[in-house]
């Protein structure tokens, strides 16, 4: 019985960690897309504004709040 409870607790912890990893991945993809959109491309580069840079920092800060 104790072993079953321990295994169930491990399953729940693994599910929680998997969800956090998924949230991190989504956040990183969102930040990458934002950076790509705000910097343009090789044919049409853009200069990032202070607002763009602050937005990236804000998004990174939100991502770090997820915590592991």
PDB file of N, CA and C in Angstrom:
ATOM      1  N   UNK A   1       0.830  -1.196   0.000  1.00  0.00           N
ATOM      2  CA  UNK A   1       0.000   0.000   0.000  1.00  0.00           C
ATOM      3  C   UNK A   1       0.871   1.255   0.000  1.00  0.00           C
ATOM      4  N   UNK A   2       1.878   1.268   0.870  1.00  0.00           N
ATOM      5  CA  UNK A   2       2.774   2.419   0.947  1.00  0.00           C
ATOM      6  C   UNK A   2       3.512   2.621  -0.376  1.00  0.00           C
ATOM      7  N   UNK A   3       3.900   1.512  -1.004  1.00  0.00           N
ATOM      8  CA  UNK A   3       4.601   1.572  -2.284  1.00  0.00           C
ATOM      9  C   UNK A   3       3.696   2.166  -3.370  1.00  0.00           C
ATOM     10  N   UNK A   4       2.426   1.803  -3.354  1.00  0.00           N
ATOM     11  CA  UNK A   4       1.470   2.322  -4.338  1.00  0.00           C
ATOM     12  C   UNK A   4       1.288   3.829  -4.157  1.00  0.00           C
ATOM     13  N   UNK A   5       1.213   4.288  -2.906  1.00  0.00           N
ATOM     14  CA  UNK A   5       1.084   5.723  -2.634  1.00  0.00           C
ATOM     15  C   UNK A   5       2.318   6.483  -3.112  1.00  0.00           C
ATOM     16  N   UNK A   6       3.490   5.899  -2.872  1.00  0.00           N
ATOM     17  CA  UNK A   6       4.749   6.513  -3.292  1.00  0.00           C
ATOM     18  C   UNK A   6       4.797   6.624  -4.815  1.00  0.00           C
ATOM     19  N   UNK A   7       4.404   5.553  -5.499  1.00  0.00           N
ATOM     20  CA  UNK A   7       4.409   5.563  -6.965  1.00  0.00           C
ATOM     21  C   UNK A   7       3.419   6.595  -7.504  1.00  0.00           C
ATOM     22  N   UNK A   8       2.270   6.693  -6.877  1.00  0.00           N
ATOM     23  CA  UNK A   8       1.260   7.672  -7.319  1.00  0.00           C
ATOM     24  C   UNK A   8       1.778   9.094  -7.120  1.00  0.00           C
ATOM     25  N   UNK A   9       2.432   9.328  -5.987  1.00  0.00           N
ATOM     26  CA  UNK A   9       2.992  10.653  -5.727  1.00  0.00           C
ATOM     27  C   UNK A   9       4.046  11.006  -6.777  1.00  0.00           C
ATOM     28  N   UNK A  10       4.876  10.022  -7.137  1.00  0.00           N
ATOM     29  CA  UNK A  10       5.882  10.251  -8.178  1.00  0.00           C
ATOM     30  C   UNK A  10       5.227  10.552  -9.527  1.00  0.00           C
ATOM     31  N   UNK A  11       4.154   9.841  -9.831  1.00  0.00           N
ATOM     32  CA  UNK A  11       3.418  10.096 -11.076  1.00  0.00           C
ATOM     33  C   UNK A  11       2.901  11.534 -11.112  1.00  0.00           C
ATOM     34  N   UNK A  12       2.323  11.982 -10.011  1.00  0.00           N
ATOM     35  CA  UNK A  12       1.791  13.347  -9.943  1.00  0.00           C
ATOM     36  C   UNK A  12       2.905  14.381 -10.093  1.00  0.00           C
ATOM     37  N   UNK A  13       4.040  14.134  -9.428  1.00  0.00           N
ATOM     38  CA  UNK A  13       5.174  15.049  -9.541  1.00  0.00           C
ATOM     39  C   UNK A  13       5.681  15.098 -10.976  1.00  0.00           C
ATOM     40  N   UNK A  14       5.742  13.945 -11.629  1.00  0.00           N
ATOM     41  CA  UNK A  14       6.189  13.899 -13.022  1.00  0.00           C
ATOM     42  C   UNK A  14       5.228  14.653 -13.932  1.00  0.00           C
ATOM     43  N   UNK A  15       3.934  14.510 -13.682  1.00  0.00           N
ATOM     44  CA  UNK A  15       2.935  15.228 -14.478  1.00  0.00           C
ATOM     45  C   UNK A  15       3.082  16.740 -14.293  1.00  0.00           C
ATOM     46  N   UNK A  16       3.308  17.170 -13.046  1.00  0.00           N
ATOM     47  CA  UNK A  16       3.493  18.595 -12.768  1.00  0.00           C
ATOM     48  C   UNK A  16       4.741  19.123 -13.473  1.00  0.00           C
ATOM     49  N   UNK A  17       5.826  18.371 -13.400  1.00  0.00           N
ATOM     50  CA  UNK A  17       7.058  18.787 -14.070  1.00  0.00           C
ATOM     51  C   UNK A  17       6.880  18.832 -15.580  1.00  0.00           C
ATOM     52  N   UNK A  18       6.183  17.852 -16.123  1.00  0.00           N
ATOM     53  CA  UNK A  18       5.936  17.824 -17.566  1.00  0.00           C
ATOM     54  C   UNK A  18       5.124  19.051 -17.986  1.00  0.00           C
ATOM     55  N   UNK A  19       4.155  19.445 -17.181  1.00  0.00           N
ATOM     56  CA  UNK A  19       3.351  20.632 -17.485  1.00  0.00           C
ATOM     57  C   UNK A  19       4.213  21.892 -17.432  1.00  0.00           C
ATOM     58  N   UNK A  20       5.095  21.992 -16.442  1.00  0.00           N
ATOM     59  CA  UNK A  20       5.980  23.156 -16.353  1.00  0.00           C
ATOM     60  C   UNK A  20       6.922  23.217 -17.551  1.00  0.00           C
ATOM     61  N   UNK A  21       7.457  22.071 -17.953  1.00  0.00           N
ATOM     62  CA  UNK A  21       8.332  22.028 -19.129  1.00  0.00           C
ATOM     63  C   UNK A  21       7.556  22.489 -20.360  1.00  0.00           C
ATOM     64  N   UNK A  22       6.324  22.039 -20.482  1.00  0.00           N
ATOM     65  CA  UNK A  22       5.483  22.445 -21.611  1.00  0.00           C
ATOM     66  C   UNK A  22       5.260  23.965 -21.598  1.00  0.00           C
ATOM     67  N   UNK A  23       5.006  24.529 -20.416  1.00  0.00           N
ATOM     68  CA  UNK A  23       4.810  25.972 -20.300  1.00  0.00           C
ATOM     69  C   UNK A  23       6.083  26.724 -20.686  1.00  0.00           C
ATOM     70  N   UNK A  24       7.243  26.217 -20.239  1.00  0.00           N
ATOM     71  CA  UNK A  24       8.519  26.825 -20.616  1.00  0.00           C
ATOM     72  C   UNK A  24       8.699  26.800 -22.128  1.00  0.00           C
ATOM     73  N   UNK A  25       8.428  25.652 -22.738  1.00  0.00           N
ATOM     74  CA  UNK A  25       8.594  25.524 -24.185  1.00  0.00           C
ATOM     75  C   UNK A  25       7.696  26.514 -24.925  1.00  0.00           C
ATOM     76  N   UNK A  26       6.442  26.616 -24.499  1.00  0.00           N
ATOM     77  CA  UNK A  26       5.522  27.565 -25.130  1.00  0.00           C
ATOM     78  C   UNK A  26       6.028  28.993 -24.958  1.00  0.00           C
ATOM     79  N   UNK A  27       6.506  29.305 -23.762  1.00  0.00           N
ATOM     80  CA  UNK A  27       7.024  30.648 -23.488  1.00  0.00           C
ATOM     81  C   UNK A  27       8.241  30.976 -24.334  1.00  0.00           C
ATOM     82  N   UNK A  28       9.147  30.026 -24.461  1.00  0.00           N
ATOM     83  CA  UNK A  28      10.352  30.241 -25.260  1.00  0.00           C
ATOM     84  C   UNK A  28       9.989  30.449 -26.724  1.00  0.00           C
ATOM     85  N   UNK A  29       9.066  29.653 -27.225  1.00  0.00           N
ATOM     86  CA  UNK A  29       8.622  29.808 -28.619  1.00  0.00           C
ATOM     87  C   UNK A  29       7.997  31.192 -28.821  1.00  0.00           C
ATOM     88  N   UNK A  30       7.187  31.622 -27.865  1.00  0.00           N
ATOM     89  CA  UNK A  30       6.546  32.936 -27.957  1.00  0.00           C
ATOM     90  C   UNK A  30       7.596  34.054 -27.965  1.00  0.00           C
ATOM     91  N   UNK A  31       8.599  33.939 -27.094  1.00  0.00           N
ATOM     92  CA  UNK A  31       9.651  34.956 -27.024  1.00  0.00           C
ATOM     93  C   UNK A  31      10.468  34.973 -28.314  1.00  0.00           C
ATOM     94  N   UNK A  32      10.817  33.799 -28.813  1.00  0.00           N
ATOM     95  CA  UNK A  32      11.566  33.731 -30.078  1.00  0.00           C
ATOM     96  C   UNK A  32      10.794  34.399 -31.207  1.00  0.00           C
ATOM     97  N   UNK A  33       9.501  34.097 -31.285  1.00  0.00           N
ATOM     98  CA  UNK A  33       8.671  34.678 -32.343  1.00  0.00           C
ATOM     99  C   UNK A  33       8.613  36.193 -32.194  1.00  0.00           C
ATOM    100  N   UNK A  34       8.469  36.660 -30.970  1.00  0.00           N
ATOM    101  CA  UNK A  34       8.417  38.103 -30.741  1.00  0.00           C
ATOM    102  C   UNK A  34       9.724  38.759 -31.183  1.00  0.00           C
ATOM    103  N   UNK A  35      10.856  38.151 -30.817  1.00  0.00           N
ATOM    104  CA  UNK A  35      12.161  38.703 -31.205  1.00  0.00           C
ATOM    105  C   UNK A  35      12.301  38.707 -32.722  1.00  0.00           C
ATOM    106  N   UNK A  36      11.928  37.602 -33.356  1.00  0.00           N
ATOM    107  CA  UNK A  36      12.015  37.533 -34.821  1.00  0.00           C
ATOM    108  C   UNK A  36      11.126  38.588 -35.476  1.00  0.00           C
ATOM    109  N   UNK A  37       9.924  38.758 -34.948  1.00  0.00           N
ATOM    110  CA  UNK A  37       8.999  39.745 -35.513  1.00  0.00           C
ATOM    111  C   UNK A  37       9.509  41.174 -35.314  1.00  0.00           C
ATOM    112  N   UNK A  38      10.163  41.432 -34.173  1.00  0.00           N
ATOM    113  CA  UNK A  38      10.592  42.802 -33.875  1.00  0.00           C
ATOM    114  C   UNK A  38      11.953  43.143 -34.482  1.00  0.00           C
ATOM    115  N   UNK A  39      12.701  42.141 -34.965  1.00  0.00           N
ATOM    116  CA  UNK A  39      14.014  42.426 -35.560  1.00  0.00           C
ATOM    117  C   UNK A  39      14.013  42.280 -37.070  1.00  0.00           C
ATOM    118  N   UNK A  40      12.913  41.871 -37.638  1.00  0.00           N
ATOM    119  CA  UNK A  40      12.828  41.730 -39.085  1.00  0.00           C
ATOM    120  C   UNK A  40      13.572  40.500 -39.575  1.00  0.00           C
ATOM    121  N   UNK A  41      14.067  40.587 -40.809  1.00  0.00           N
ATOM    122  CA  UNK A  41      14.817  39.472 -41.383  1.00  0.00           C
ATOM    123  C   UNK A  41      16.044  40.017 -42.109  1.00  0.00           C
ATOM    124  N   UNK A  42      16.811  39.155 -42.742  1.00  0.00           N
ATOM    125  CA  UNK A  42      18.053  39.587 -43.395  1.00  0.00           C
ATOM    126  C   UNK A  42      17.793  40.584 -44.518  1.00  0.00           C
ATOM    127  N   UNK A  43      16.711  40.398 -45.248  1.00  0.00           N
ATOM    128  CA  UNK A  43      16.400  41.304 -46.356  1.00  0.00           C
ATOM    129  C   UNK A  43      15.838  42.645 -45.877  1.00  0.00           C
ATOM    130  N   UNK A  44      15.177  42.617 -44.744  1.00  0.00           N
ATOM    131  CA  UNK A  44      14.548  43.831 -44.229  1.00  0.00           C
ATOM    132  C   UNK A  44      14.741  43.910 -42.711  1.00  0.00           C
ATOM    133  N   UNK A  45      15.978  44.159 -42.259  1.00  0.00           N
ATOM    134  CA  UNK A  45      16.215  44.194 -40.808  1.00  0.00           C
ATOM    135  C   UNK A  45      15.562  45.422 -40.162  1.00  0.00           C
ATOM    136  N   UNK A  46      15.171  45.268 -38.919  1.00  0.00           N
ATOM    137  CA  UNK A  46      14.589  46.367 -38.154  1.00  0.00           C
ATOM    138  C   UNK A  46      15.481  46.603 -36.945  1.00  0.00           C
ATOM    139  N   UNK A  47      15.457  47.811 -36.447  1.00  0.00           N
ATOM    140  CA  UNK A  47      16.178  48.126 -35.221  1.00  0.00           C
ATOM    141  C   UNK A  47      15.195  47.987 -34.067  1.00  0.00           C
ATOM    142  N   UNK A  48      15.573  47.212 -33.068  1.00  0.00           N
ATOM    143  CA  UNK A  48      14.699  47.034 -31.904  1.00  0.00           C
ATOM    144  C   UNK A  48      14.600  48.339 -31.131  1.00  0.00           C
ATOM    145  N   UNK A  49      13.400  48.644 -30.702  1.00  0.00           N
ATOM    146  CA  UNK A  49      13.192  49.838 -29.885  1.00  0.00           C
ATOM    147  C   UNK A  49      13.358  49.466 -28.418  1.00  0.00           C
ATOM    148  N   UNK A  50      13.423  50.476 -27.588  1.00  0.00           N
ATOM    149  CA  UNK A  50      13.496  50.234 -26.147  1.00  0.00           C
ATOM    150  C   UNK A  50      12.270  49.452 -25.694  1.00  0.00           C
ATOM    151  N   UNK A  51      11.128  49.770 -26.273  1.00  0.00           N
ATOM    152  CA  UNK A  51       9.893  49.053 -25.935  1.00  0.00           C
ATOM    153  C   UNK A  51       9.974  47.581 -26.290  1.00  0.00           C
ATOM    154  N   UNK A  52      10.580  47.274 -27.449  1.00  0.00           N
ATOM    155  CA  UNK A  52      10.754  45.875 -27.854  1.00  0.00           C
ATOM    156  C   UNK A  52      11.625  45.125 -26.850  1.00  0.00           C
ATOM    157  N   UNK A  53      12.720  45.763 -26.474  1.00  0.00           N
ATOM    158  CA  UNK A  53      13.657  45.131 -25.535  1.00  0.00           C
ATOM    159  C   UNK A  53      12.988  44.926 -24.180  1.00  0.00           C
ATOM    160  N   UNK A  54      12.268  45.934 -23.710  1.00  0.00           N
ATOM    161  CA  UNK A  54      11.570  45.807 -22.424  1.00  0.00           C
ATOM    162  C   UNK A  54      10.512  44.710 -22.476  1.00  0.00           C
ATOM    163  N   UNK A  55       9.848  44.570 -23.610  1.00  0.00           N
ATOM    164  CA  UNK A  55       8.834  43.521 -23.757  1.00  0.00           C
ATOM    165  C   UNK A  55       9.475  42.138 -23.680  1.00  0.00           C
ATOM    166  N   UNK A  56      10.650  41.973 -24.275  1.00  0.00           N
ATOM    167  CA  UNK A  56      11.361  40.691 -24.186  1.00  0.00           C
ATOM    168  C   UNK A  56      11.717  40.410 -22.730  1.00  0.00           C
ATOM    169  N   UNK A  57      12.233  41.412 -22.015  1.00  0.00           N
ATOM    170  CA  UNK A  57      12.552  41.223 -20.599  1.00  0.00           C
ATOM    171  C   UNK A  57      11.307  40.861 -19.793  1.00  0.00           C
ATOM    172  N   UNK A  58      10.181  41.516 -20.101  1.00  0.00           N
ATOM    173  CA  UNK A  58       8.934  41.219 -19.379  1.00  0.00           C
ATOM    174  C   UNK A  58       8.510  39.780 -19.620  1.00  0.00           C
ATOM    175  N   UNK A  59       8.596  39.347 -20.882  1.00  0.00           N
ATOM    176  CA  UNK A  59       8.207  37.981 -21.213  1.00  0.00           C
ATOM    177  C   UNK A  59       9.134  36.970 -20.531  1.00  0.00           C
ATOM    178  N   UNK A  60      10.433  37.271 -20.511  1.00  0.00           N
ATOM    179  CA  UNK A  60      11.379  36.377 -19.832  1.00  0.00           C
ATOM    180  C   UNK A  60      11.089  36.319 -18.337  1.00  0.00           C
ATOM    181  N   UNK A  61      10.771  37.460 -17.756  1.00  0.00           N
ATOM    182  CA  UNK A  61      10.442  37.511 -16.333  1.00  0.00           C
ATOM    183  C   UNK A  61       9.214  36.659 -16.023  1.00  0.00           C
ATOM    184  N   UNK A  62       8.194  36.753 -16.865  1.00  0.00           N
ATOM    185  CA  UNK A  62       6.989  35.934 -16.683  1.00  0.00           C
ATOM    186  C   UNK A  62       7.327  34.452 -16.785  1.00  0.00           C
ATOM    187  N   UNK A  63       8.199  34.130 -17.720  1.00  0.00           N
ATOM    188  CA  UNK A  63       8.591  32.737 -17.913  1.00  0.00           C
ATOM    189  C   UNK A  63       9.313  32.204 -16.675  1.00  0.00           C
ATOM    190  N   UNK A  64      10.162  33.023 -16.075  1.00  0.00           N
ATOM    191  CA  UNK A  64      10.905  32.593 -14.891  1.00  0.00           C
ATOM    192  C   UNK A  64      10.003  32.423 -13.673  1.00  0.00           C
ATOM    193  N   UNK A  65       8.861  33.089 -13.660  1.00  0.00           N
ATOM    194  CA  UNK A  65       7.926  32.958 -12.534  1.00  0.00           C
ATOM    195  C   UNK A  65       7.300  31.571 -12.467  1.00  0.00           C
ATOM    196  N   UNK A  66       7.344  30.832 -13.577  1.00  0.00           N
ATOM    197  CA  UNK A  66       6.783  29.476 -13.589  1.00  0.00           C
ATOM    198  C   UNK A  66       7.526  28.625 -12.577  1.00  0.00           C
ATOM    199  N   UNK A  67       8.862  28.736 -12.572  1.00  0.00           N
ATOM    200  CA  UNK A  67       9.700  28.014 -11.616  1.00  0.00           C
ATOM    201  C   UNK A  67       9.578  26.509 -11.692  1.00  0.00           C
ATOM    202  N   UNK A  68      10.640  25.856 -11.321  1.00  0.00           N
ATOM    203  CA  UNK A  68      10.638  24.387 -11.272  1.00  0.00           C
ATOM    204  C   UNK A  68      10.989  23.965  -9.874  1.00  0.00           C
TER     205      UNK A  68
END
